[in-house]
Amino acid sequence: MIPAYELLLEKSRERADFIVRQLKYLTKFDIKNFDHIVADFHDEAFEEINCLDCGNCCRMQAPQWNESDIRRITKLVGLDKDKFVRESLVRDPEEGWRGACLPCPFLQADNACSVYEDRPKDCAIYPYTAERRIKKGLGRLAHNTQICPAAYLVAEKIIERFAKGLTK
């Protein structure tokens, strides 16, 4: 990971309690066009952050896998589906399946994903900052700020725009 991203994540860790408090506070309000504004923040953050210079999500967070992901990727890489599920995934009672090991076995040395075009949906939408009804996911965003520099930038933009005047 490049030093600038490490600094962003260090800031996020230092401000973790503040970020959680601020984002939790914002869930109480009905903010017009919130999803669209946050989607713009997402785009701005990813103009600054290049995932290939980071790869933290693949090292620190096991993605959710659905049946479609499992079928598609095991077929792509020529693995037996049942064996892959047994050896590479764990059952998550709330979310189906999760990767059983970190870092992700598809993460390459250059932070690229060997199944990028067919990666699990959960990976494709991470850090979930361009989702609809993002306000419901602000707690998850607070957590992801310590993993993903782009998530941290989005959270800071949200706080700056909508939570001004709260105690830092």
N, C-alpha and C. Protein backbone atom coordinates (compact mmCIF):
# COMPACT_ATOMS: atom_id res chain seq x y z
N MET A 1 0.86 -1.18 0.00
CA MET A 1 0.00 0.00 0.00
C MET A 1 0.90 1.24 0.00
N ILE A 2 0.46 2.24 -0.75
CA ILE A 2 1.28 3.44 -0.81
C ILE A 2 1.13 4.25 0.49
N PRO A 3 2.18 4.98 0.85
CA PRO A 3 2.18 5.72 2.13
C PRO A 3 1.01 6.68 2.30
N ALA A 4 0.57 7.34 1.25
CA ALA A 4 -0.56 8.28 1.38
C ALA A 4 -1.82 7.56 1.85
N TYR A 5 -2.04 6.34 1.38
CA TYR A 5 -3.21 5.58 1.81
C TYR A 5 -3.05 5.12 3.26
N GLU A 6 -1.82 4.75 3.63
CA GLU A 6 -1.56 4.36 5.02
C GLU A 6 -1.87 5.52 5.96
N LEU A 7 -1.52 6.74 5.54
CA LEU A 7 -1.82 7.92 6.36
C LEU A 7 -3.32 8.13 6.50
N LEU A 8 -4.06 7.94 5.43
CA LEU A 8 -5.52 8.07 5.51
C LEU A 8 -6.11 7.06 6.50
N LEU A 9 -5.62 5.83 6.44
CA LEU A 9 -6.14 4.81 7.35
C LEU A 9 -5.73 5.07 8.79
N GLU A 10 -4.55 5.64 8.97
CA GLU A 10 -4.11 6.02 10.31
C GLU A 10 -5.04 7.11 10.87
N LYS A 11 -5.36 8.10 10.03
CA LYS A 11 -6.31 9.14 10.45
C LYS A 11 -7.65 8.53 10.81
N SER A 12 -8.08 7.57 10.01
CA SER A 12 -9.36 6.93 10.27
C SER A 12 -9.36 6.23 11.62
N ARG A 13 -8.28 5.53 11.93
CA ARG A 13 -8.19 4.86 13.23
C ARG A 13 -8.21 5.88 14.37
N GLU A 14 -7.50 6.99 14.19
CA GLU A 14 -7.47 8.04 15.22
C GLU A 14 -8.85 8.66 15.43
N ARG A 15 -9.62 8.74 14.37
CA ARG A 15 -10.93 9.39 14.42
C ARG A 15 -12.10 8.39 14.45
N ALA A 16 -11.81 7.14 14.71
CA ALA A 16 -12.82 6.09 14.61
C ALA A 16 -14.06 6.38 15.44
N ASP A 17 -13.89 6.72 16.70
CA ASP A 17 -15.06 6.99 17.56
C ASP A 17 -15.86 8.18 17.04
N PHE A 18 -15.16 9.21 16.62
CA PHE A 18 -15.82 10.40 16.07
C PHE A 18 -16.61 10.05 14.81
N ILE A 19 -16.01 9.29 13.93
CA ILE A 19 -16.67 8.91 12.68
C ILE A 19 -17.93 8.10 12.98
N VAL A 20 -17.83 7.14 13.88
CA VAL A 20 -19.00 6.33 14.25
C VAL A 20 -20.10 7.22 14.81
N ARG A 21 -19.74 8.11 15.72
CA ARG A 21 -20.73 9.01 16.33
C ARG A 21 -21.42 9.88 15.29
N GLN A 22 -20.63 10.48 14.41
CA GLN A 22 -21.18 11.38 13.41
C GLN A 22 -22.11 10.64 12.44
N LEU A 23 -21.66 9.51 11.95
CA LEU A 23 -22.47 8.77 10.99
C LEU A 23 -23.73 8.22 11.65
N LYS A 24 -23.62 7.78 12.89
CA LYS A 24 -24.80 7.31 13.62
C LYS A 24 -25.80 8.46 13.80
N TYR A 25 -25.29 9.64 14.11
CA TYR A 25 -26.12 10.83 14.29
C TYR A 25 -26.91 11.12 13.01
N LEU A 26 -26.25 10.98 11.87
CA LEU A 26 -26.90 11.31 10.60
C LEU A 26 -28.03 10.35 10.24
N THR A 27 -28.03 9.15 10.78
CA THR A 27 -29.11 8.20 10.46
C THR A 27 -30.45 8.67 10.99
N LYS A 28 -30.45 9.63 11.89
CA LYS A 28 -31.70 10.13 12.50
C LYS A 28 -32.45 11.10 11.60
N PHE A 29 -31.82 11.55 10.54
CA PHE A 29 -32.39 12.62 9.73
C PHE A 29 -32.76 12.13 8.33
N ASP A 30 -33.79 12.75 7.78
CA ASP A 30 -34.17 12.49 6.40
C ASP A 30 -33.49 13.56 5.56
N ILE A 31 -32.47 13.19 4.85
CA ILE A 31 -31.67 14.15 4.08
C ILE A 31 -32.01 13.98 2.60
N LYS A 32 -32.52 15.03 2.01
CA LYS A 32 -32.93 15.00 0.61
C LYS A 32 -31.72 14.71 -0.29
N ASN A 33 -31.92 13.80 -1.24
CA ASN A 33 -30.92 13.43 -2.24
C ASN A 33 -29.64 12.85 -1.63
N PHE A 34 -29.73 12.30 -0.43
CA PHE A 34 -28.54 11.79 0.25
C PHE A 34 -27.81 10.75 -0.60
N ASP A 35 -28.53 9.78 -1.16
CA ASP A 35 -27.89 8.73 -1.97
C ASP A 35 -27.12 9.32 -3.14
N HIS A 36 -27.71 10.29 -3.82
CA HIS A 36 -27.06 10.88 -4.99
C HIS A 36 -25.82 11.67 -4.59
N ILE A 37 -25.92 12.39 -3.50
CA ILE A 37 -24.78 13.18 -3.04
C ILE A 37 -23.64 12.26 -2.62
N VAL A 38 -23.97 11.20 -1.89
CA VAL A 38 -22.94 10.26 -1.45
C VAL A 38 -22.35 9.52 -2.66
N ALA A 39 -23.16 9.23 -3.67
CA ALA A 39 -22.63 8.61 -4.89
C ALA A 39 -21.62 9.53 -5.56
N ASP A 40 -21.87 10.83 -5.53
CA ASP A 40 -20.89 11.79 -6.06
C ASP A 40 -19.61 11.76 -5.22
N PHE A 41 -19.76 11.68 -3.90
CA PHE A 41 -18.59 11.57 -3.02
C PHE A 41 -17.80 10.31 -3.34
N HIS A 42 -18.52 9.23 -3.63
CA HIS A 42 -17.89 7.95 -4.01
C HIS A 42 -17.04 8.15 -5.27
N ASP A 43 -17.64 8.78 -6.28
CA ASP A 43 -16.91 9.02 -7.53
C ASP A 43 -15.67 9.87 -7.29
N GLU A 44 -15.81 10.92 -6.49
CA GLU A 44 -14.67 11.79 -6.18
C GLU A 44 -13.57 11.02 -5.46
N ALA A 45 -13.95 10.18 -4.51
CA ALA A 45 -12.96 9.41 -3.75
C ALA A 45 -12.19 8.46 -4.66
N PHE A 46 -12.91 7.81 -5.58
CA PHE A 46 -12.24 6.86 -6.46
C PHE A 46 -11.49 7.53 -7.62
N GLU A 47 -11.64 8.83 -7.78
CA GLU A 47 -10.75 9.56 -8.68
C GLU A 47 -9.38 9.72 -8.01
N GLU A 48 -9.39 9.72 -6.68
CA GLU A 48 -8.17 9.91 -5.90
C GLU A 48 -7.52 8.58 -5.48
N ILE A 49 -8.33 7.57 -5.26
CA ILE A 49 -7.84 6.28 -4.74
C ILE A 49 -7.85 5.24 -5.86
N ASN A 50 -6.72 4.57 -6.03
CA ASN A 50 -6.61 3.48 -6.99
C ASN A 50 -6.52 2.18 -6.19
N CYS A 51 -7.51 1.33 -6.34
CA CYS A 51 -7.56 0.08 -5.58
C CYS A 51 -6.31 -0.77 -5.76
N LEU A 52 -5.70 -0.71 -6.93
CA LEU A 52 -4.50 -1.51 -7.17
C LEU A 52 -3.29 -1.02 -6.37
N ASP A 53 -3.38 0.17 -5.81
CA ASP A 53 -2.33 0.67 -4.93
C ASP A 53 -2.61 0.32 -3.47
N CYS A 54 -3.68 -0.42 -3.23
CA CYS A 54 -4.10 -0.72 -1.86
C CYS A 54 -4.30 -2.22 -1.66
N GLY A 55 -5.44 -2.73 -2.06
CA GLY A 55 -5.75 -4.15 -1.91
C GLY A 55 -6.15 -4.56 -0.50
N ASN A 56 -6.33 -3.59 0.38
CA ASN A 56 -6.64 -3.90 1.78
C ASN A 56 -7.91 -4.71 1.94
N CYS A 57 -8.93 -4.40 1.15
CA CYS A 57 -10.20 -5.13 1.29
C CYS A 57 -9.99 -6.62 1.09
N CYS A 58 -9.14 -6.98 0.15
CA CYS A 58 -8.89 -8.39 -0.15
C CYS A 58 -8.01 -9.06 0.90
N ARG A 59 -7.28 -8.26 1.65
CA ARG A 59 -6.43 -8.80 2.71
C ARG A 59 -7.12 -8.84 4.07
N MET A 60 -8.10 -7.95 4.28
CA MET A 60 -8.64 -7.77 5.62
C MET A 60 -10.11 -8.12 5.79
N GLN A 61 -10.82 -8.37 4.70
CA GLN A 61 -12.26 -8.59 4.82
C GLN A 61 -12.70 -9.69 3.87
N ALA A 62 -13.26 -10.74 4.41
CA ALA A 62 -13.74 -11.85 3.59
C ALA A 62 -15.09 -11.48 2.97
N PRO A 63 -15.21 -11.58 1.65
CA PRO A 63 -16.46 -11.17 1.01
C PRO A 63 -17.58 -12.19 1.20
N GLN A 64 -18.78 -11.70 1.03
CA GLN A 64 -19.97 -12.55 0.98
C GLN A 64 -20.01 -13.19 -0.41
N TRP A 65 -20.37 -14.44 -0.47
CA TRP A 65 -20.53 -15.16 -1.72
C TRP A 65 -21.97 -15.65 -1.82
N ASN A 66 -22.61 -15.44 -2.97
CA ASN A 66 -23.93 -16.04 -3.18
C ASN A 66 -23.77 -17.23 -4.13
N GLU A 67 -24.83 -17.98 -4.31
CA GLU A 67 -24.76 -19.19 -5.15
C GLU A 67 -24.31 -18.88 -6.57
N SER A 68 -24.77 -17.76 -7.10
CA SER A 68 -24.38 -17.37 -8.45
C SER A 68 -22.87 -17.11 -8.53
N ASP A 69 -22.33 -16.42 -7.53
CA ASP A 69 -20.88 -16.17 -7.48
C ASP A 69 -20.12 -17.49 -7.47
N ILE A 70 -20.56 -18.40 -6.62
CA ILE A 70 -19.88 -19.69 -6.46
C ILE A 70 -19.88 -20.46 -7.77
N ARG A 71 -21.05 -20.58 -8.41
CA ARG A 71 -21.14 -21.31 -9.69
C ARG A 71 -20.25 -20.67 -10.75
N ARG A 72 -20.36 -19.36 -10.89
CA ARG A 72 -19.64 -18.64 -11.94
C ARG A 72 -18.12 -18.78 -11.77
N ILE A 73 -17.64 -18.56 -10.56
CA ILE A 73 -16.20 -18.53 -10.36
C ILE A 73 -15.59 -19.93 -10.35
N THR A 74 -16.28 -20.91 -9.77
CA THR A 74 -15.72 -22.27 -9.81
C THR A 74 -15.66 -22.78 -11.25
N LYS A 75 -16.64 -22.42 -12.05
CA LYS A 75 -16.61 -22.81 -13.47
C LYS A 75 -15.45 -22.11 -14.17
N LEU A 76 -15.28 -20.82 -13.90
CA LEU A 76 -14.22 -20.03 -14.53
C LEU A 76 -12.83 -20.59 -14.24
N VAL A 77 -12.58 -20.96 -12.99
CA VAL A 77 -11.24 -21.41 -12.61
C VAL A 77 -11.10 -22.93 -12.61
N GLY A 78 -12.17 -23.63 -12.98
CA GLY A 78 -12.09 -25.08 -13.12
C GLY A 78 -12.03 -25.84 -11.80
N LEU A 79 -12.71 -25.33 -10.79
CA LEU A 79 -12.74 -26.00 -9.49
C LEU A 79 -14.07 -26.72 -9.31
N ASP A 80 -14.04 -27.82 -8.56
CA ASP A 80 -15.26 -28.50 -8.19
C ASP A 80 -16.02 -27.62 -7.20
N LYS A 81 -17.28 -27.34 -7.51
CA LYS A 81 -18.08 -26.42 -6.68
C LYS A 81 -18.16 -26.88 -5.24
N ASP A 82 -18.50 -28.14 -5.01
CA ASP A 82 -18.66 -28.63 -3.63
C ASP A 82 -17.35 -28.58 -2.86
N LYS A 83 -16.27 -28.94 -3.53
CA LYS A 83 -14.96 -28.91 -2.88
C LYS A 83 -14.58 -27.46 -2.54
N PHE A 84 -14.84 -26.54 -3.45
CA PHE A 84 -14.54 -25.13 -3.21
C PHE A 84 -15.32 -24.62 -2.00
N VAL A 85 -16.60 -24.93 -1.94
CA VAL A 85 -17.43 -24.49 -0.81
C VAL A 85 -16.88 -25.07 0.48
N ARG A 86 -16.57 -26.36 0.49
CA ARG A 86 -16.05 -27.03 1.69
C ARG A 86 -14.73 -26.44 2.16
N GLU A 87 -13.83 -26.15 1.22
CA GLU A 87 -12.47 -25.76 1.58
C GLU A 87 -12.23 -24.26 1.63
N SER A 88 -13.08 -23.48 0.97
CA SER A 88 -12.77 -22.05 0.84
C SER A 88 -13.81 -21.11 1.43
N LEU A 89 -14.98 -21.64 1.81
CA LEU A 89 -16.05 -20.78 2.31
C LEU A 89 -16.53 -21.26 3.67
N VAL A 90 -17.12 -20.35 4.42
CA VAL A 90 -17.79 -20.70 5.67
C VAL A 90 -19.21 -20.18 5.60
N ARG A 91 -20.10 -20.91 6.24
CA ARG A 91 -21.52 -20.52 6.24
C ARG A 91 -21.70 -19.32 7.15
N ASP A 92 -22.38 -18.32 6.63
CA ASP A 92 -22.74 -17.14 7.41
C ASP A 92 -24.26 -17.17 7.53
N PRO A 93 -24.78 -17.35 8.74
CA PRO A 93 -26.23 -17.50 8.89
C PRO A 93 -27.04 -16.32 8.36
N GLU A 94 -26.45 -15.15 8.35
CA GLU A 94 -27.18 -13.97 7.89
C GLU A 94 -26.97 -13.68 6.42
N GLU A 95 -25.81 -14.05 5.90
CA GLU A 95 -25.46 -13.59 4.56
C GLU A 95 -25.10 -14.69 3.57
N GLY A 96 -25.37 -15.94 3.88
CA GLY A 96 -25.05 -17.00 2.94
C GLY A 96 -23.67 -17.58 3.20
N TRP A 97 -22.71 -17.21 2.38
CA TRP A 97 -21.35 -17.73 2.49
C TRP A 97 -20.36 -16.58 2.60
N ARG A 98 -19.25 -16.84 3.25
CA ARG A 98 -18.14 -15.88 3.35
C ARG A 98 -16.85 -16.63 3.04
N GLY A 99 -15.87 -15.88 2.53
CA GLY A 99 -14.56 -16.46 2.33
C GLY A 99 -14.01 -16.95 3.67
N ALA A 100 -13.35 -18.11 3.65
CA ALA A 100 -12.87 -18.72 4.89
C ALA A 100 -11.47 -18.27 5.27
N CYS A 101 -10.76 -17.66 4.34
CA CYS A 101 -9.37 -17.31 4.66
C CYS A 101 -9.04 -15.92 4.12
N LEU A 102 -8.06 -15.35 4.76
CA LEU A 102 -7.51 -14.07 4.32
C LEU A 102 -6.01 -14.22 4.16
N PRO A 103 -5.41 -13.58 3.21
CA PRO A 103 -6.05 -12.77 2.18
C PRO A 103 -6.84 -13.65 1.21
N CYS A 104 -7.65 -13.00 0.41
CA CYS A 104 -8.44 -13.71 -0.59
C CYS A 104 -7.50 -14.51 -1.50
N PRO A 105 -7.83 -15.77 -1.78
CA PRO A 105 -6.96 -16.58 -2.64
C PRO A 105 -6.84 -16.06 -4.07
N PHE A 106 -7.73 -15.16 -4.47
CA PHE A 106 -7.68 -14.62 -5.82
C PHE A 106 -6.89 -13.31 -5.90
N LEU A 107 -6.40 -12.83 -4.75
CA LEU A 107 -5.58 -11.61 -4.73
C LEU A 107 -4.18 -11.95 -5.21
N GLN A 108 -3.71 -11.19 -6.20
CA GLN A 108 -2.38 -11.42 -6.75
C GLN A 108 -1.38 -10.46 -6.10
N ALA A 109 -0.10 -10.69 -6.33
CA ALA A 109 0.96 -9.90 -5.71
C ALA A 109 0.87 -8.42 -6.04
N ASP A 110 0.32 -8.09 -7.21
CA ASP A 110 0.20 -6.68 -7.62
C ASP A 110 -1.13 -6.06 -7.19
N ASN A 111 -1.83 -6.71 -6.28
CA ASN A 111 -3.15 -6.29 -5.77
C ASN A 111 -4.28 -6.45 -6.78
N ALA A 112 -4.00 -7.04 -7.92
CA ALA A 112 -5.06 -7.31 -8.89
C ALA A 112 -5.79 -8.58 -8.47
N CYS A 113 -6.98 -8.73 -8.98
CA CYS A 113 -7.81 -9.91 -8.69
C CYS A 113 -7.77 -10.83 -9.90
N SER A 114 -7.45 -12.09 -9.67
CA SER A 114 -7.35 -13.03 -10.79
C SER A 114 -8.71 -13.37 -11.40
N VAL A 115 -9.80 -13.02 -10.71
CA VAL A 115 -11.15 -13.26 -11.26
C VAL A 115 -11.93 -11.95 -11.34
N TYR A 116 -11.22 -10.85 -11.54
CA TYR A 116 -11.82 -9.52 -11.43
C TYR A 116 -13.11 -9.36 -12.23
N GLU A 117 -13.11 -9.75 -13.48
CA GLU A 117 -14.30 -9.57 -14.32
C GLU A 117 -15.48 -10.39 -13.83
N ASP A 118 -15.21 -11.44 -13.07
CA ASP A 118 -16.27 -12.32 -12.57
C ASP A 118 -16.30 -12.38 -11.04
N ARG A 119 -15.67 -11.43 -10.38
CA ARG A 119 -15.56 -11.44 -8.92
C ARG A 119 -16.93 -11.47 -8.26
N PRO A 120 -16.98 -11.88 -6.99
CA PRO A 120 -18.26 -11.89 -6.27
C PRO A 120 -18.89 -10.50 -6.26
N LYS A 121 -20.20 -10.47 -6.26
CA LYS A 121 -20.92 -9.19 -6.25
C LYS A 121 -20.48 -8.33 -5.07
N ASP A 122 -20.27 -8.96 -3.92
CA ASP A 122 -19.86 -8.22 -2.73
C ASP A 122 -18.56 -7.45 -2.98
N CYS A 123 -17.64 -8.06 -3.70
CA CYS A 123 -16.38 -7.39 -4.03
C CYS A 123 -16.62 -6.24 -5.01
N ALA A 124 -17.50 -6.47 -5.96
CA ALA A 124 -17.76 -5.46 -7.00
C ALA A 124 -18.35 -4.18 -6.42
N ILE A 125 -19.12 -4.29 -5.34
CA ILE A 125 -19.78 -3.09 -4.80
C ILE A 125 -19.07 -2.52 -3.57
N TYR A 126 -18.00 -3.18 -3.11
CA TYR A 126 -17.26 -2.69 -1.95
C TYR A 126 -16.63 -1.33 -2.29
N PRO A 127 -16.61 -0.38 -1.42
CA PRO A 127 -16.98 -0.35 0.00
C PRO A 127 -18.43 0.07 0.25
N TYR A 128 -19.30 -0.20 -0.68
CA TYR A 128 -20.76 0.00 -0.55
C TYR A 128 -21.14 1.47 -0.47
N THR A 129 -20.34 2.34 -1.00
CA THR A 129 -20.61 3.78 -0.90
C THR A 129 -21.40 4.33 -2.08
N ALA A 130 -21.71 3.50 -3.05
CA ALA A 130 -22.53 3.96 -4.18
C ALA A 130 -23.89 3.25 -4.17
N GLU A 131 -24.22 2.61 -3.08
CA GLU A 131 -25.48 1.88 -2.97
C GLU A 131 -26.66 2.80 -2.75
N ARG A 132 -27.83 2.32 -3.14
CA ARG A 132 -29.07 3.03 -2.80
C ARG A 132 -29.34 2.81 -1.32
N ARG A 133 -30.02 3.74 -0.73
CA ARG A 133 -30.35 3.69 0.70
C ARG A 133 -29.09 3.57 1.55
N ILE A 134 -28.09 4.33 1.17
CA ILE A 134 -26.79 4.29 1.85
C ILE A 134 -26.91 4.65 3.32
N LYS A 135 -27.91 5.45 3.66
CA LYS A 135 -28.04 5.87 5.05
C LYS A 135 -28.18 4.68 5.99
N LYS A 136 -28.82 3.61 5.53
CA LYS A 136 -28.95 2.40 6.35
C LYS A 136 -27.60 1.72 6.55
N GLY A 137 -26.65 2.01 5.68
CA GLY A 137 -25.34 1.36 5.76
C GLY A 137 -24.25 2.23 6.34
N LEU A 138 -24.60 3.30 7.02
CA LEU A 138 -23.57 4.20 7.55
C LEU A 138 -22.73 3.54 8.64
N GLY A 139 -23.31 2.62 9.40
CA GLY A 139 -22.53 1.89 10.40
C GLY A 139 -21.46 1.04 9.74
N ARG A 140 -21.84 0.38 8.65
CA ARG A 140 -20.89 -0.42 7.89
C ARG A 140 -19.82 0.48 7.28
N LEU A 141 -20.23 1.65 6.80
CA LEU A 141 -19.26 2.60 6.25
C LEU A 141 -18.24 3.00 7.32
N ALA A 142 -18.71 3.26 8.53
CA ALA A 142 -17.80 3.63 9.62
C ALA A 142 -16.75 2.54 9.82
N HIS A 143 -17.18 1.29 9.79
CA HIS A 143 -16.24 0.16 9.93
C HIS A 143 -15.25 0.13 8.75
N ASN A 144 -15.76 0.31 7.55
CA ASN A 144 -14.92 0.20 6.35
C ASN A 144 -13.90 1.32 6.23
N THR A 145 -14.10 2.42 6.94
CA THR A 145 -13.12 3.51 6.87
C THR A 145 -11.76 3.08 7.39
N GLN A 146 -11.71 2.03 8.18
CA GLN A 146 -10.44 1.56 8.72
C GLN A 146 -9.78 0.52 7.82
N ILE A 147 -10.46 0.16 6.75
CA ILE A 147 -9.95 -0.82 5.80
C ILE A 147 -9.65 -0.16 4.46
N CYS A 148 -10.54 0.73 4.04
CA CYS A 148 -10.50 1.29 2.68
C CYS A 148 -10.29 2.80 2.72
N PRO A 149 -9.21 3.29 2.14
CA PRO A 149 -8.98 4.74 2.12
C PRO A 149 -10.10 5.51 1.42
N ALA A 150 -10.70 4.93 0.39
CA ALA A 150 -11.80 5.60 -0.31
C ALA A 150 -13.01 5.72 0.60
N ALA A 151 -13.29 4.69 1.38
CA ALA A 151 -14.41 4.75 2.33
C ALA A 151 -14.17 5.86 3.35
N TYR A 152 -12.94 5.99 3.79
CA TYR A 152 -12.61 7.07 4.73
C TYR A 152 -12.88 8.44 4.10
N LEU A 153 -12.46 8.63 2.86
CA LEU A 153 -12.69 9.91 2.19
C LEU A 153 -14.18 10.20 2.04
N VAL A 154 -14.95 9.19 1.69
CA VAL A 154 -16.41 9.36 1.56
C VAL A 154 -17.01 9.74 2.91
N ALA A 155 -16.62 9.02 3.96
CA ALA A 155 -17.16 9.32 5.30
C ALA A 155 -16.82 10.74 5.72
N GLU A 156 -15.61 11.17 5.47
CA GLU A 156 -15.22 12.53 5.84
C GLU A 156 -16.02 13.57 5.06
N LYS A 157 -16.27 13.30 3.79
CA LYS A 157 -17.08 14.23 2.99
C LYS A 157 -18.52 14.29 3.51
N ILE A 158 -19.06 13.14 3.89
CA ILE A 158 -20.41 13.10 4.46
C ILE A 158 -20.46 13.92 5.74
N ILE A 159 -19.50 13.70 6.61
CA ILE A 159 -19.46 14.41 7.89
C ILE A 159 -19.31 15.91 7.67
N GLU A 160 -18.40 16.27 6.77
CA GLU A 160 -18.17 17.70 6.49
C GLU A 160 -19.44 18.36 5.96
N ARG A 161 -20.14 17.66 5.10
CA ARG A 161 -21.32 18.25 4.45
C ARG A 161 -22.56 18.26 5.35
N PHE A 162 -22.76 17.19 6.11
CA PHE A 162 -24.04 17.03 6.80
C PHE A 162 -23.99 17.10 8.31
N ALA A 163 -22.82 16.97 8.90
CA ALA A 163 -22.77 16.92 10.37
C ALA A 163 -21.94 18.06 10.95
N LYS A 164 -21.93 19.18 10.29
CA LYS A 164 -21.18 20.34 10.78
C LYS A 164 -21.70 20.75 12.15
N GLY A 165 -20.79 21.21 12.97
CA GLY A 165 -21.19 21.75 14.26
C GLY A 165 -21.22 20.75 15.39
N LEU A 166 -21.01 19.47 15.07
CA LEU A 166 -20.96 18.49 16.15
C LEU A 166 -19.56 18.49 16.76
N THR A 167 -19.48 18.10 18.00
CA THR A 167 -18.20 18.09 18.70
C THR A 167 -17.25 17.08 18.07
N LYS A 168 -16.03 17.53 17.83
CA LYS A 168 -15.01 16.62 17.29
C LYS A 168 -14.32 16.00 18.45
